Amino acid sequence: DRRTVLGVRDHALLLFLYNSGARADEAASLCVNNLHLGSSPSVRILGKGNKWRVCPLWPKTADSLRPIVVARSQDDRVFRGRTGEPMTRFGVHRVVTSCAVAAAERTQTMRSKRISPHTLRHTTAVHLLRAGVDINTIRAWLGHVSLDTTNIYAEVDLEMKAKALTS
């Protein structure tokens, strides 16, 4: 419900996770100063191994983030819980799973699926791959150190294509 403060936050969080492919802990630790919401919006994400990566943000994602960070200190976390404290990765997980349950009530095909922040990350990778983005760019987008990790998405997508051909 985007008429509520928490609904606005949850919508922004879901868009951010899908747009960036961020891990739950990366979203939870995201600070306002890592968002660049002007022209050419982007985000700097601190990933595993304390390595930074930059991901572009869609205008829609940037628009959804602006109201939740307005008048906030640059050091503040972007995503905050009900009490105003920074969300944890467990809070991010709770938002994703509760939104997935609500969506499954309206969409039958979602009822048998287990949706988590990692599912959104996987979906981001597969959609980038299907859009023709090269695997090395996807590796950088997701913050993978090894191309082997990213190649898993390419293999999964090839399996899906092969299955579609036999159907």
C-alpha atoms as a PDB file:
ATOM      1  CA  ASP A   1       0.000   0.000   0.000  1.00  0.00           C
ATOM      2  CA  ARG A   2       1.961   2.973  -1.293  1.00  0.00           C
ATOM      3  CA  ARG A   3      -0.325   5.331   0.626  1.00  0.00           C
ATOM      4  CA  THR A   4       1.581   4.398   3.805  1.00  0.00           C
ATOM      5  CA  VAL A   5       5.152   5.211   4.795  1.00  0.00           C
ATOM      6  CA  LEU A   6       6.028   1.517   5.048  1.00  0.00           C
ATOM      7  CA  GLY A   7       4.340   0.797   1.723  1.00  0.00           C
ATOM      8  CA  VAL A   8       6.429   3.485   0.031  1.00  0.00           C
ATOM      9  CA  ARG A   9       9.560   1.995   1.613  1.00  0.00           C
ATOM     10  CA  ASP A  10       8.651  -1.570   0.636  1.00  0.00           C
ATOM     11  CA  HIS A  11       7.953  -0.569  -2.971  1.00  0.00           C
ATOM     12  CA  ALA A  12      11.279   1.285  -3.166  1.00  0.00           C
ATOM     13  CA  LEU A  13      13.075  -1.693  -1.598  1.00  0.00           C
ATOM     14  CA  LEU A  14      11.604  -4.185  -4.076  1.00  0.00           C
ATOM     15  CA  LEU A  15      12.436  -1.969  -7.051  1.00  0.00           C
ATOM     16  CA  PHE A  16      15.938  -1.404  -5.695  1.00  0.00           C
ATOM     17  CA  LEU A  17      16.606  -5.133  -5.175  1.00  0.00           C
ATOM     18  CA  TYR A  18      15.439  -6.037  -8.662  1.00  0.00           C
ATOM     19  CA  ASN A  19      17.118  -3.079 -10.381  1.00  0.00           C
ATOM     20  CA  SER A  20      20.489  -3.532  -8.668  1.00  0.00           C
ATOM     21  CA  GLY A  21      20.587  -7.263  -7.982  1.00  0.00           C
ATOM     22  CA  ALA A  22      21.746  -6.335  -4.473  1.00  0.00           C
ATOM     23  CA  ARG A  23      22.008  -8.908  -1.724  1.00  0.00           C
ATOM     24  CA  ALA A  24      19.742  -8.426   1.313  1.00  0.00           C
ATOM     25  CA  ASP A  25      22.655  -7.323   3.507  1.00  0.00           C
ATOM     26  CA  GLU A  26      23.845  -4.889   0.809  1.00  0.00           C
ATOM     27  CA  ALA A  27      20.409  -3.248   0.705  1.00  0.00           C
ATOM     28  CA  ALA A  28      20.210  -3.159   4.501  1.00  0.00           C
ATOM     29  CA  SER A  29      23.577  -1.421   4.824  1.00  0.00           C
ATOM     30  CA  LEU A  30      22.992   1.053   1.969  1.00  0.00           C
ATOM     31  CA  CYS A  31      23.572   4.662   3.051  1.00  0.00           C
ATOM     32  CA  VAL A  32      22.003   7.776   1.574  1.00  0.00           C
ATOM     33  CA  ASN A  33      25.385   9.050   0.381  1.00  0.00           C
ATOM     34  CA  ASN A  34      25.724   5.993  -1.871  1.00  0.00           C
ATOM     35  CA  LEU A  35      22.696   7.034  -3.905  1.00  0.00           C
ATOM     36  CA  HIS A  36      23.091   9.412  -6.814  1.00  0.00           C
ATOM     37  CA  LEU A  37      19.549  10.318  -7.796  1.00  0.00           C
ATOM     38  CA  GLY A  38      20.128  13.214 -10.211  1.00  0.00           C
ATOM     39  CA  SER A  39      20.650  12.815 -13.929  1.00  0.00           C
ATOM     40  CA  SER A  40      22.081   9.366 -14.720  1.00  0.00           C
ATOM     41  CA  PRO A  41      20.951   7.880 -11.375  1.00  0.00           C
ATOM     42  CA  SER A  42      23.185   5.201  -9.885  1.00  0.00           C
ATOM     43  CA  VAL A  43      24.109   3.529  -6.634  1.00  0.00           C
ATOM     44  CA  ARG A  44      27.431   2.538  -5.095  1.00  0.00           C
ATOM     45  CA  ILE A  45      27.053  -0.803  -3.332  1.00  0.00           C
ATOM     46  CA  LEU A  46      29.498  -2.197  -0.812  1.00  0.00           C
ATOM     47  CA  GLY A  47      29.572  -5.920  -1.502  1.00  0.00           C
ATOM     48  CA  LYS A  48      31.341  -9.015  -0.286  1.00  0.00           C
ATOM     49  CA  GLY A  49      35.015  -8.577   0.466  1.00  0.00           C
ATOM     50  CA  ASN A  50      34.459  -4.843   1.065  1.00  0.00           C
ATOM     51  CA  LYS A  51      34.470  -4.234  -2.686  1.00  0.00           C
ATOM     52  CA  TRP A  52      32.486  -1.380  -4.193  1.00  0.00           C
ATOM     53  CA  ARG A  53      30.485  -1.587  -7.396  1.00  0.00           C
ATOM     54  CA  VAL A  54      28.330   0.944  -9.184  1.00  0.00           C
ATOM     55  CA  CYS A  55      24.986   0.060 -10.726  1.00  0.00           C
ATOM     56  CA  PRO A  56      22.750   2.292 -12.809  1.00  0.00           C
ATOM     57  CA  LEU A  57      19.268   2.944 -11.459  1.00  0.00           C
ATOM     58  CA  TRP A  58      16.166   3.198 -13.572  1.00  0.00           C
ATOM     59  CA  PRO A  59      14.341   6.516 -13.322  1.00  0.00           C
ATOM     60  CA  LYS A  60      11.410   4.690 -11.688  1.00  0.00           C
ATOM     61  CA  THR A  61      13.719   3.273  -9.000  1.00  0.00           C
ATOM     62  CA  ALA A  62      15.321   6.674  -8.402  1.00  0.00           C
ATOM     63  CA  ASP A  63      11.856   8.263  -8.178  1.00  0.00           C
ATOM     64  CA  SER A  64      10.788   5.698  -5.582  1.00  0.00           C
ATOM     65  CA  LEU A  65      13.934   6.262  -3.481  1.00  0.00           C
ATOM     66  CA  ARG A  66      13.792  10.075  -3.405  1.00  0.00           C
ATOM     67  CA  PRO A  67      10.879  10.420  -0.954  1.00  0.00           C
ATOM     68  CA  ILE A  68      12.378   7.978   1.550  1.00  0.00           C
ATOM     69  CA  VAL A  69      15.749   9.752   1.722  1.00  0.00           C
ATOM     70  CA  VAL A  70      14.627  13.382   1.535  1.00  0.00           C
ATOM     71  CA  ALA A  71      15.886  15.460   4.490  1.00  0.00           C
ATOM     72  CA  ARG A  72      18.024  12.558   5.731  1.00  0.00           C
ATOM     73  CA  SER A  73      21.651  12.764   6.752  1.00  0.00           C
ATOM     74  CA  GLN A  74      24.122  11.435   4.191  1.00  0.00           C
ATOM     75  CA  ASP A  75      25.272   8.841   6.758  1.00  0.00           C
ATOM     76  CA  ASP A  76      21.751   7.500   7.384  1.00  0.00           C
ATOM     77  CA  ARG A  77      20.721   4.135   6.091  1.00  0.00           C
ATOM     78  CA  VAL A  78      18.281   4.252   3.210  1.00  0.00           C
ATOM     79  CA  PHE A  79      15.954   1.507   4.406  1.00  0.00           C
ATOM     80  CA  ARG A  80      14.596   1.889   7.933  1.00  0.00           C
ATOM     81  CA  GLY A  81      12.197  -0.254   9.933  1.00  0.00           C
ATOM     82  CA  ARG A  82       8.989   0.709  11.717  1.00  0.00           C
ATOM     83  CA  THR A  83      10.880   2.133  14.674  1.00  0.00           C
ATOM     84  CA  GLY A  84      13.205   4.205  12.515  1.00  0.00           C
ATOM     85  CA  GLU A  85      16.155   1.919  13.115  1.00  0.00           C
ATOM     86  CA  PRO A  86      18.094   0.663  10.083  1.00  0.00           C
ATOM     87  CA  MET A  87      16.658  -2.513   8.577  1.00  0.00           C
ATOM     88  CA  THR A  88      18.668  -5.708   8.881  1.00  0.00           C
ATOM     89  CA  ARG A  89      19.058  -8.330   6.202  1.00  0.00           C
ATOM     90  CA  PHE A  90      16.385 -10.279   8.082  1.00  0.00           C
ATOM     91  CA  GLY A  91      14.023  -7.304   7.780  1.00  0.00           C
ATOM     92  CA  VAL A  92      14.733  -7.086   4.052  1.00  0.00           C
ATOM     93  CA  HIS A  93      13.994 -10.811   3.766  1.00  0.00           C
ATOM     94  CA  ARG A  94      10.734 -10.383   5.709  1.00  0.00           C
ATOM     95  CA  VAL A  95       9.553  -7.580   3.405  1.00  0.00           C
ATOM     96  CA  VAL A  96      10.289  -9.618   0.272  1.00  0.00           C
ATOM     97  CA  THR A  97       8.646 -12.802   1.549  1.00  0.00           C
ATOM     98  CA  SER A  98       5.561 -11.001   2.903  1.00  0.00           C
ATOM     99  CA  CYS A  99       5.094  -9.128  -0.393  1.00  0.00           C
ATOM    100  CA  ALA A 100       5.506 -12.417  -2.262  1.00  0.00           C
ATOM    101  CA  VAL A 101       2.810 -14.034  -0.117  1.00  0.00           C
ATOM    102  CA  ALA A 102       0.466 -11.109  -0.818  1.00  0.00           C
ATOM    103  CA  ALA A 103       1.211 -11.325  -4.561  1.00  0.00           C
ATOM    104  CA  ALA A 104       0.609 -15.075  -4.537  1.00  0.00           C
ATOM    105  CA  GLU A 105      -2.935 -14.474  -3.310  1.00  0.00           C
ATOM    106  CA  ARG A 106      -3.636 -12.713  -6.613  1.00  0.00           C
ATOM    107  CA  THR A 107      -1.307 -14.645  -8.947  1.00  0.00           C
ATOM    108  CA  GLN A 108      -1.737 -18.404  -9.023  1.00  0.00           C
ATOM    109  CA  THR A 109       1.646 -19.142 -10.653  1.00  0.00           C
ATOM    110  CA  MET A 110       3.430 -17.615  -7.660  1.00  0.00           C
ATOM    111  CA  ARG A 111       1.757 -19.882  -5.101  1.00  0.00           C
ATOM    112  CA  SER A 112       4.223 -22.727  -5.493  1.00  0.00           C
ATOM    113  CA  LYS A 113       7.318 -20.501  -5.574  1.00  0.00           C
ATOM    114  CA  ARG A 114       9.569 -19.558  -2.675  1.00  0.00           C
ATOM    115  CA  ILE A 115      10.536 -15.926  -3.203  1.00  0.00           C
ATOM    116  CA  SER A 116      13.448 -14.379  -1.323  1.00  0.00           C
ATOM    117  CA  PRO A 117      15.851 -11.482  -1.883  1.00  0.00           C
ATOM    118  CA  HIS A 118      18.166 -13.961  -3.576  1.00  0.00           C
ATOM    119  CA  THR A 119      15.346 -14.912  -5.964  1.00  0.00           C
ATOM    120  CA  LEU A 120      15.164 -11.252  -7.023  1.00  0.00           C
ATOM    121  CA  ARG A 121      18.950 -11.206  -7.474  1.00  0.00           C
ATOM    122  CA  HIS A 122      18.759 -14.329  -9.640  1.00  0.00           C
ATOM    123  CA  THR A 123      15.893 -12.837 -11.635  1.00  0.00           C
ATOM    124  CA  THR A 124      17.918  -9.677 -12.247  1.00  0.00           C
ATOM    125  CA  ALA A 125      20.808 -11.740 -13.609  1.00  0.00           C
ATOM    126  CA  VAL A 126      18.627 -13.861 -15.884  1.00  0.00           C
ATOM    127  CA  HIS A 127      16.737 -10.839 -17.217  1.00  0.00           C
ATOM    128  CA  LEU A 128      19.992  -9.000 -17.928  1.00  0.00           C
ATOM    129  CA  LEU A 129      21.283 -12.077 -19.745  1.00  0.00           C
ATOM    130  CA  ARG A 130      18.070 -12.396 -21.780  1.00  0.00           C
ATOM    131  CA  ALA A 131      18.301  -8.703 -22.665  1.00  0.00           C
ATOM    132  CA  GLY A 132      21.655  -9.409 -24.300  1.00  0.00           C
ATOM    133  CA  VAL A 133      23.921  -7.968 -21.610  1.00  0.00           C
ATOM    134  CA  ASP A 134      27.293  -9.691 -21.749  1.00  0.00           C
ATOM    135  CA  ILE A 135      28.205 -12.034 -18.911  1.00  0.00           C
ATOM    136  CA  ASN A 136      31.172  -9.947 -17.718  1.00  0.00           C
ATOM    137  CA  THR A 137      28.929  -6.887 -17.282  1.00  0.00           C
ATOM    138  CA  ILE A 138      26.464  -9.028 -15.322  1.00  0.00           C
ATOM    139  CA  ARG A 139      29.376 -10.250 -13.165  1.00  0.00           C
ATOM    140  CA  ALA A 140      30.292  -6.649 -12.353  1.00  0.00           C
ATOM    141  CA  TRP A 141      26.624  -5.698 -11.843  1.00  0.00           C
ATOM    142  CA  LEU A 142      26.156  -8.445  -9.233  1.00  0.00           C
ATOM    143  CA  GLY A 143      29.567  -7.998  -7.654  1.00  0.00           C
ATOM    144  CA  HIS A 144      30.813 -11.503  -8.377  1.00  0.00           C
ATOM    145  CA  VAL A 145      34.566 -11.931  -8.067  1.00  0.00           C
ATOM    146  CA  SER A 146      34.621 -14.965 -10.308  1.00  0.00           C
ATOM    147  CA  LEU A 147      33.048 -15.229 -13.736  1.00  0.00           C
ATOM    148  CA  ASP A 148      32.345 -18.887 -12.879  1.00  0.00           C
ATOM    149  CA  THR A 149      29.723 -17.764 -10.352  1.00  0.00           C
ATOM    150  CA  THR A 150      27.964 -15.634 -12.957  1.00  0.00           C
ATOM    151  CA  ASN A 151      28.149 -18.401 -15.588  1.00  0.00           C
ATOM    152  CA  ILE A 152      25.688 -20.389 -13.457  1.00  0.00           C
ATOM    153  CA  TYR A 153      22.979 -17.969 -14.628  1.00  0.00           C
ATOM    154  CA  ALA A 154      23.947 -18.510 -18.253  1.00  0.00           C
ATOM    155  CA  GLU A 155      23.769 -22.290 -17.781  1.00  0.00           C
ATOM    156  CA  VAL A 156      20.369 -22.049 -16.096  1.00  0.00           C
ATOM    157  CA  ASP A 157      19.082 -19.877 -18.930  1.00  0.00           C
ATOM    158  CA  LEU A 158      20.381 -22.337 -21.549  1.00  0.00           C
ATOM    159  CA  GLU A 159      18.613 -25.160 -19.725  1.00  0.00           C
ATOM    160  CA  MET A 160      15.376 -23.151 -19.780  1.00  0.00           C
ATOM    161  CA  LYS A 161      15.746 -22.493 -23.509  1.00  0.00           C
ATOM    162  CA  ALA A 162      16.428 -26.162 -24.226  1.00  0.00           C
ATOM    163  CA  LYS A 163      13.386 -27.170 -22.143  1.00  0.00           C
ATOM    164  CA  ALA A 164      11.242 -24.692 -24.070  1.00  0.00           C
ATOM    165  CA  LEU A 165      12.365 -26.217 -27.368  1.00  0.00           C
ATOM    166  CA  THR A 166      11.295 -29.696 -26.282  1.00  0.00           C
ATOM    167  CA  SER A 167       7.874 -28.533 -25.060  1.00  0.00           C
END
